[in-house]
Amino acid sequence: MTVPLDVVLCFHNAFRRATQEMDDTAFKVARSGGDIASVLKRYQFAGEFLGYHAKGEEEAVFPVVEKLVPQVVKTYLLDHRELDTMVDGLDTMQAEPDALKAARTTAVLNSHLRIHLYKEDTYLYPILKEQLTVSEQSSIIGVMSRDIPQDKTPKAIRWLFPLLTHNDRALVAKTWMTMMPPQVFAGIKPLIRETIADDWDELIQRVPELK
């Protein structure tokens, strides 16, 4: 049975894929040549969205974890600050692109993020899913969602859904449909359909309520 917090793990999967793709592309440019500036610009929103996600965790997730498992959250906050530093470095690098420096930074970012997300997926979120009611989990998701500016929602959906597997797309769509006011989800549904295009029928098969 899925629960609201499972949607966070779907986002984690998207971040893994995005940073891996960025690292692979930056490495190819550093090794074989190419326009590293366009690579950095292409993945800029991944860093921005990661920032929204981290802020949401710090506001909604970490305070609850601190009550359940004291003294643990600080290590995750340190991870977030280190990720902030790396993302800021990549943003600054757009002014003076350096392929080798970019490839080194994306490699470290990719490695650090994978370890951080693994710790969250295997330790923090299982504790929360076990200890919190569905209503309490929904409240956390609601707070995290509000940290994404409304004007960024279309861009966030167009970034997120291509990075998700079919199963993760279904879980995210079903969770949003359940939690959002109908009029709000009615505005998001066309964006999802437009973004995944030919895969829409696959999503409908998994979530028939979307018809």
C-alpha atoms as a PDB file:
ATOM      1  CA  MET A   1       0.000   0.000   0.000  1.00  0.00           C
ATOM      2  CA  THR A   2       1.315   3.421  -0.933  1.00  0.00           C
ATOM      3  CA  VAL A   3       1.226   6.376   1.466  1.00  0.00           C
ATOM      4  CA  PRO A   4       1.624  10.125   0.833  1.00  0.00           C
ATOM      5  CA  LEU A   5       5.326  10.220   1.722  1.00  0.00           C
ATOM      6  CA  ASP A   6       6.069   7.735  -1.052  1.00  0.00           C
ATOM      7  CA  VAL A   7       5.753  10.646  -3.468  1.00  0.00           C
ATOM      8  CA  VAL A   8       8.917  12.153  -1.943  1.00  0.00           C
ATOM      9  CA  LEU A   9      10.848   9.031  -2.887  1.00  0.00           C
ATOM     10  CA  CYS A  10       9.652   9.478  -6.480  1.00  0.00           C
ATOM     11  CA  PHE A  11      11.147  12.974  -6.444  1.00  0.00           C
ATOM     12  CA  HIS A  12      14.373  11.494  -5.091  1.00  0.00           C
ATOM     13  CA  ASN A  13      14.487   9.102  -8.045  1.00  0.00           C
ATOM     14  CA  ALA A  14      14.104  12.056 -10.406  1.00  0.00           C
ATOM     15  CA  PHE A  15      16.967  13.922  -8.729  1.00  0.00           C
ATOM     16  CA  ARG A  16      19.184  10.846  -9.038  1.00  0.00           C
ATOM     17  CA  ARG A  17      18.504  10.554 -12.734  1.00  0.00           C
ATOM     18  CA  ALA A  18      18.919  14.284 -13.381  1.00  0.00           C
ATOM     19  CA  THR A  19      22.272  14.581 -11.622  1.00  0.00           C
ATOM     20  CA  GLN A  20      23.551  11.395 -13.232  1.00  0.00           C
ATOM     21  CA  GLU A  21      22.632  12.713 -16.675  1.00  0.00           C
ATOM     22  CA  MET A  22      24.277  16.054 -15.891  1.00  0.00           C
ATOM     23  CA  ASP A  23      27.454  14.357 -14.709  1.00  0.00           C
ATOM     24  CA  ASP A  24      27.595  12.081 -17.753  1.00  0.00           C
ATOM     25  CA  THR A  25      27.127  15.024 -20.125  1.00  0.00           C
ATOM     26  CA  ALA A  26      29.666  17.234 -18.357  1.00  0.00           C
ATOM     27  CA  PHE A  27      32.227  14.417 -18.448  1.00  0.00           C
ATOM     28  CA  LYS A  28      31.745  13.922 -22.189  1.00  0.00           C
ATOM     29  CA  VAL A  29      32.248  17.635 -22.839  1.00  0.00           C
ATOM     30  CA  ALA A  30      35.366  17.757 -20.659  1.00  0.00           C
ATOM     31  CA  ARG A  31      36.815  14.719 -22.424  1.00  0.00           C
ATOM     32  CA  SER A  32      35.776  15.320 -26.019  1.00  0.00           C
ATOM     33  CA  GLY A  33      34.873  18.994 -26.276  1.00  0.00           C
ATOM     34  CA  GLY A  34      31.612  20.850 -26.567  1.00  0.00           C
ATOM     35  CA  ASP A  35      29.688  23.745 -25.080  1.00  0.00           C
ATOM     36  CA  ILE A  36      29.751  23.330 -21.312  1.00  0.00           C
ATOM     37  CA  ALA A  37      27.799  26.588 -20.873  1.00  0.00           C
ATOM     38  CA  SER A  38      24.758  25.064 -22.568  1.00  0.00           C
ATOM     39  CA  VAL A  39      25.082  21.971 -20.363  1.00  0.00           C
ATOM     40  CA  LEU A  40      25.095  24.104 -17.215  1.00  0.00           C
ATOM     41  CA  LYS A  41      22.108  26.119 -18.418  1.00  0.00           C
ATOM     42  CA  ARG A  42      20.188  22.985 -19.379  1.00  0.00           C
ATOM     43  CA  TYR A  43      20.437  21.570 -15.885  1.00  0.00           C
ATOM     44  CA  GLN A  44      20.048  24.842 -13.997  1.00  0.00           C
ATOM     45  CA  PHE A  45      16.446  24.117 -13.001  1.00  0.00           C
ATOM     46  CA  ALA A  46      17.475  20.779 -11.496  1.00  0.00           C
ATOM     47  CA  GLY A  47      19.511  22.711  -8.939  1.00  0.00           C
ATOM     48  CA  GLU A  48      16.706  25.206  -8.397  1.00  0.00           C
ATOM     49  CA  PHE A  49      14.138  22.453  -7.869  1.00  0.00           C
ATOM     50  CA  LEU A  50      16.536  20.636  -5.539  1.00  0.00           C
ATOM     51  CA  GLY A  51      16.640  23.823  -3.478  1.00  0.00           C
ATOM     52  CA  TYR A  52      12.839  23.939  -3.200  1.00  0.00           C
ATOM     53  CA  HIS A  53      12.825  20.296  -2.180  1.00  0.00           C
ATOM     54  CA  ALA A  54      15.498  20.779   0.476  1.00  0.00           C
ATOM     55  CA  LYS A  55      13.694  23.811   1.897  1.00  0.00           C
ATOM     56  CA  GLY A  56      10.486  21.793   2.107  1.00  0.00           C
ATOM     57  CA  GLU A  57      12.253  19.013   3.988  1.00  0.00           C
ATOM     58  CA  GLU A  58      13.800  21.477   6.419  1.00  0.00           C
ATOM     59  CA  GLU A  59      10.437  23.103   7.115  1.00  0.00           C
ATOM     60  CA  ALA A  60       8.167  20.056   7.180  1.00  0.00           C
ATOM     61  CA  VAL A  61      10.190  16.842   7.541  1.00  0.00           C
ATOM     62  CA  PHE A  62      13.191  17.568   9.725  1.00  0.00           C
ATOM     63  CA  PRO A  63      11.261  19.073  12.675  1.00  0.00           C
ATOM     64  CA  VAL A  64       9.164  15.903  12.878  1.00  0.00           C
ATOM     65  CA  VAL A  65      12.230  13.684  12.628  1.00  0.00           C
ATOM     66  CA  GLU A  66      13.926  15.689  15.384  1.00  0.00           C
ATOM     67  CA  LYS A  67      11.033  14.871  17.725  1.00  0.00           C
ATOM     68  CA  LEU A  68      11.084  11.176  16.854  1.00  0.00           C
ATOM     69  CA  VAL A  69      14.855  10.661  16.634  1.00  0.00           C
ATOM     70  CA  PRO A  70      16.726  13.507  18.381  1.00  0.00           C
ATOM     71  CA  GLN A  71      20.240  14.503  17.294  1.00  0.00           C
ATOM     72  CA  VAL A  72      19.935  12.998  13.820  1.00  0.00           C
ATOM     73  CA  VAL A  73      18.724  15.907  11.722  1.00  0.00           C
ATOM     74  CA  LYS A  74      21.939  17.947  11.993  1.00  0.00           C
ATOM     75  CA  THR A  75      23.830  15.541   9.756  1.00  0.00           C
ATOM     76  CA  TYR A  76      21.177  15.869   7.039  1.00  0.00           C
ATOM     77  CA  LEU A  77      21.235  19.652   7.320  1.00  0.00           C
ATOM     78  CA  LEU A  78      25.002  19.587   6.780  1.00  0.00           C
ATOM     79  CA  ASP A  79      24.393  17.527   3.627  1.00  0.00           C
ATOM     80  CA  HIS A  80      21.919  20.155   2.393  1.00  0.00           C
ATOM     81  CA  ARG A  81      24.339  23.007   2.958  1.00  0.00           C
ATOM     82  CA  GLU A  82      27.071  21.148   1.064  1.00  0.00           C
ATOM     83  CA  LEU A  83      24.662  20.550  -1.813  1.00  0.00           C
ATOM     84  CA  ASP A  84      23.787  24.270  -1.780  1.00  0.00           C
ATOM     85  CA  THR A  85      27.463  25.106  -2.148  1.00  0.00           C
ATOM     86  CA  MET A  86      27.900  22.804  -5.138  1.00  0.00           C
ATOM     87  CA  VAL A  87      24.747  24.006  -6.907  1.00  0.00           C
ATOM     88  CA  ASP A  88      25.726  27.654  -6.317  1.00  0.00           C
ATOM     89  CA  GLY A  89      29.152  26.880  -7.739  1.00  0.00           C
ATOM     90  CA  LEU A  90      27.633  25.507 -10.933  1.00  0.00           C
ATOM     91  CA  ASP A  91      25.386  28.559 -11.248  1.00  0.00           C
ATOM     92  CA  THR A  92      28.336  30.923 -10.792  1.00  0.00           C
ATOM     93  CA  MET A  93      30.318  28.939 -13.346  1.00  0.00           C
ATOM     94  CA  GLN A  94      27.909  29.975 -16.094  1.00  0.00           C
ATOM     95  CA  ALA A  95      29.578  33.401 -16.175  1.00  0.00           C
ATOM     96  CA  GLU A  96      33.006  31.827 -16.864  1.00  0.00           C
ATOM     97  CA  PRO A  97      32.404  28.256 -18.088  1.00  0.00           C
ATOM     98  CA  ASP A  98      35.192  25.774 -17.431  1.00  0.00           C
ATOM     99  CA  ALA A  99      34.536  22.248 -18.694  1.00  0.00           C
ATOM    100  CA  LEU A 100      37.022  20.475 -16.425  1.00  0.00           C
ATOM    101  CA  LYS A 101      35.909  22.340 -13.312  1.00  0.00           C
ATOM    102  CA  ALA A 102      32.274  21.702 -14.181  1.00  0.00           C
ATOM    103  CA  ALA A 103      32.875  17.980 -14.667  1.00  0.00           C
ATOM    104  CA  ARG A 104      34.647  17.738 -11.313  1.00  0.00           C
ATOM    105  CA  THR A 105      31.789  19.567  -9.586  1.00  0.00           C
ATOM    106  CA  THR A 106      29.027  17.511 -11.198  1.00  0.00           C
ATOM    107  CA  ALA A 107      30.842  14.295 -10.261  1.00  0.00           C
ATOM    108  CA  VAL A 108      31.022  15.311  -6.609  1.00  0.00           C
ATOM    109  CA  LEU A 109      27.442  16.589  -6.637  1.00  0.00           C
ATOM    110  CA  ASN A 110      26.184  13.354  -8.150  1.00  0.00           C
ATOM    111  CA  SER A 111      28.057  11.213  -5.625  1.00  0.00           C
ATOM    112  CA  HIS A 112      27.121  13.328  -2.603  1.00  0.00           C
ATOM    113  CA  LEU A 113      23.447  13.511  -3.577  1.00  0.00           C
ATOM    114  CA  ARG A 114      23.182   9.769  -4.167  1.00  0.00           C
ATOM    115  CA  ILE A 115      24.580   9.044  -0.698  1.00  0.00           C
ATOM    116  CA  HIS A 116      22.339  11.666   0.910  1.00  0.00           C
ATOM    117  CA  LEU A 117      19.175  10.396  -0.769  1.00  0.00           C
ATOM    118  CA  TYR A 118      20.059   6.806   0.063  1.00  0.00           C
ATOM    119  CA  LYS A 119      20.306   7.716   3.740  1.00  0.00           C
ATOM    120  CA  GLU A 120      16.955   9.493   3.610  1.00  0.00           C
ATOM    121  CA  ASP A 121      15.238   6.673   1.705  1.00  0.00           C
ATOM    122  CA  THR A 122      16.511   3.893   3.936  1.00  0.00           C
ATOM    123  CA  TYR A 123      16.401   5.645   7.313  1.00  0.00           C
ATOM    124  CA  LEU A 124      14.419   8.877   7.645  1.00  0.00           C
ATOM    125  CA  TYR A 125      11.382   8.220   5.509  1.00  0.00           C
ATOM    126  CA  PRO A 126      10.745   4.645   6.721  1.00  0.00           C
ATOM    127  CA  ILE A 127      10.636   6.028  10.278  1.00  0.00           C
ATOM    128  CA  LEU A 128       8.147   8.702   9.267  1.00  0.00           C
ATOM    129  CA  LYS A 129       5.959   6.296   7.294  1.00  0.00           C
ATOM    130  CA  GLU A 130       5.837   3.957  10.279  1.00  0.00           C
ATOM    131  CA  GLN A 131       5.196   6.602  12.930  1.00  0.00           C
ATOM    132  CA  LEU A 132       2.895   9.101  11.184  1.00  0.00           C
ATOM    133  CA  THR A 133      -0.731   8.796  10.163  1.00  0.00           C
ATOM    134  CA  VAL A 134      -1.786   9.290   6.550  1.00  0.00           C
ATOM    135  CA  SER A 135      -3.210  12.677   7.522  1.00  0.00           C
ATOM    136  CA  GLU A 136       0.069  13.744   9.123  1.00  0.00           C
ATOM    137  CA  GLN A 137       2.008  12.612   6.061  1.00  0.00           C
ATOM    138  CA  SER A 138      -0.378  14.550   3.807  1.00  0.00           C
ATOM    139  CA  SER A 139       0.267  17.682   5.859  1.00  0.00           C
ATOM    140  CA  ILE A 140       4.011  17.283   5.286  1.00  0.00           C
ATOM    141  CA  ILE A 141       3.509  16.933   1.538  1.00  0.00           C
ATOM    142  CA  GLY A 142       1.276  20.000   1.560  1.00  0.00           C
ATOM    143  CA  VAL A 143       3.962  22.136   3.212  1.00  0.00           C
ATOM    144  CA  MET A 144       6.655  20.862   0.860  1.00  0.00           C
ATOM    145  CA  SER A 145       4.480  21.582  -2.181  1.00  0.00           C
ATOM    146  CA  ARG A 146       3.916  25.182  -1.099  1.00  0.00           C
ATOM    147  CA  ASP A 147       7.655  25.842  -1.259  1.00  0.00           C
ATOM    148  CA  ILE A 148       7.499  25.612  -5.060  1.00  0.00           C
ATOM    149  CA  PRO A 149       6.409  29.051  -6.373  1.00  0.00           C
ATOM    150  CA  GLN A 150       3.132  28.825  -8.303  1.00  0.00           C
ATOM    151  CA  ASP A 151       4.632  30.407 -11.385  1.00  0.00           C
ATOM    152  CA  LYS A 152       7.256  27.638 -11.428  1.00  0.00           C
ATOM    153  CA  THR A 153       4.690  24.807 -11.411  1.00  0.00           C
ATOM    154  CA  PRO A 154       4.550  24.277 -15.207  1.00  0.00           C
ATOM    155  CA  LYS A 155       8.342  24.227 -15.428  1.00  0.00           C
ATOM    156  CA  ALA A 156       8.537  21.841 -12.459  1.00  0.00           C
ATOM    157  CA  ILE A 157       6.127  19.382 -14.091  1.00  0.00           C
ATOM    158  CA  ARG A 158       7.947  19.535 -17.434  1.00  0.00           C
ATOM    159  CA  TRP A 159      11.216  18.867 -15.605  1.00  0.00           C
ATOM    160  CA  LEU A 160       9.911  16.151 -13.274  1.00  0.00           C
ATOM    161  CA  PHE A 161       7.751  13.811 -15.319  1.00  0.00           C
ATOM    162  CA  PRO A 162      10.267  12.895 -18.064  1.00  0.00           C
ATOM    163  CA  LEU A 163      12.626  11.776 -15.278  1.00  0.00           C
ATOM    164  CA  LEU A 164      10.082   9.445 -13.643  1.00  0.00           C
ATOM    165  CA  THR A 165       9.433   5.783 -14.394  1.00  0.00           C
ATOM    166  CA  HIS A 166       5.905   4.715 -15.328  1.00  0.00           C
ATOM    167  CA  ASN A 167       5.287   3.512 -11.780  1.00  0.00           C
ATOM    168  CA  ASP A 168       6.542   6.748 -10.243  1.00  0.00           C
ATOM    169  CA  ARG A 169       4.460   8.848 -12.624  1.00  0.00           C
ATOM    170  CA  ALA A 170       1.367   6.919 -11.607  1.00  0.00           C
ATOM    171  CA  LEU A 171       2.129   7.314  -7.912  1.00  0.00           C
ATOM    172  CA  VAL A 172       2.761  11.060  -8.200  1.00  0.00           C
ATOM    173  CA  ALA A 173      -0.336  11.675 -10.343  1.00  0.00           C
ATOM    174  CA  LYS A 174      -2.593   9.639  -8.064  1.00  0.00           C
ATOM    175  CA  THR A 175      -1.246  11.309  -4.908  1.00  0.00           C
ATOM    176  CA  TRP A 176      -1.692  14.788  -6.361  1.00  0.00           C
ATOM    177  CA  MET A 177      -5.169  13.966  -7.591  1.00  0.00           C
ATOM    178  CA  THR A 178      -6.106  12.727  -4.117  1.00  0.00           C
ATOM    179  CA  MET A 179      -4.574  15.596  -2.164  1.00  0.00           C
ATOM    180  CA  MET A 180      -5.189  18.635  -4.352  1.00  0.00           C
ATOM    181  CA  PRO A 181      -8.471  20.514  -4.633  1.00  0.00           C
ATOM    182  CA  PRO A 182     -10.170  19.355  -7.875  1.00  0.00           C
ATOM    183  CA  GLN A 183      -9.855  22.772  -9.500  1.00  0.00           C
ATOM    184  CA  VAL A 184      -6.114  22.862  -8.814  1.00  0.00           C
ATOM    185  CA  PHE A 185      -5.470  19.381 -10.206  1.00  0.00           C
ATOM    186  CA  ALA A 186      -7.630  20.264 -13.226  1.00  0.00           C
ATOM    187  CA  GLY A 187      -5.017  22.864 -14.129  1.00  0.00           C
ATOM    188  CA  ILE A 188      -2.110  20.460 -13.638  1.00  0.00           C
ATOM    189  CA  LYS A 189      -3.541  17.465 -15.493  1.00  0.00           C
ATOM    190  CA  PRO A 190      -3.145  19.011 -18.994  1.00  0.00           C
ATOM    191  CA  LEU A 191       0.470  19.900 -18.181  1.00  0.00           C
ATOM    192  CA  ILE A 192       1.210  16.285 -17.273  1.00  0.00           C
ATOM    193  CA  ARG A 193      -0.488  15.048 -20.442  1.00  0.00           C
ATOM    194  CA  GLU A 194       1.413  17.519 -22.618  1.00  0.00           C
ATOM    195  CA  THR A 195       4.723  16.643 -20.964  1.00  0.00           C
ATOM    196  CA  ILE A 196       4.574  12.853 -21.277  1.00  0.00           C
ATOM    197  CA  ALA A 197       2.770  12.939 -24.663  1.00  0.00           C
ATOM    198  CA  ASP A 198       2.735   9.397 -26.096  1.00  0.00           C
ATOM    199  CA  ASP A 199       3.024   7.895 -22.605  1.00  0.00           C
ATOM    200  CA  TRP A 200      -0.313   9.360 -21.511  1.00  0.00           C
ATOM    201  CA  ASP A 201      -2.211   6.175 -22.376  1.00  0.00           C
ATOM    202  CA  GLU A 202       0.238   4.191 -20.259  1.00  0.00           C
ATOM    203  CA  LEU A 203      -0.471   6.498 -17.320  1.00  0.00           C
ATOM    204  CA  ILE A 204      -4.235   6.167 -17.848  1.00  0.00           C
ATOM    205  CA  GLN A 205      -3.930   2.384 -17.681  1.00  0.00           C
ATOM    206  CA  ARG A 206      -2.227   2.693 -14.299  1.00  0.00           C
ATOM    207  CA  VAL A 207      -4.493   5.481 -13.007  1.00  0.00           C
ATOM    208  CA  PRO A 208      -7.898   5.083 -14.709  1.00  0.00           C
ATOM    209  CA  GLU A 209      -9.312   7.891 -12.560  1.00  0.00           C
ATOM    210  CA  LEU A 210      -7.395  10.337 -14.774  1.00  0.00           C
ATOM    211  CA  LYS A 211      -9.790   9.782 -17.677  1.00  0.00           C
END
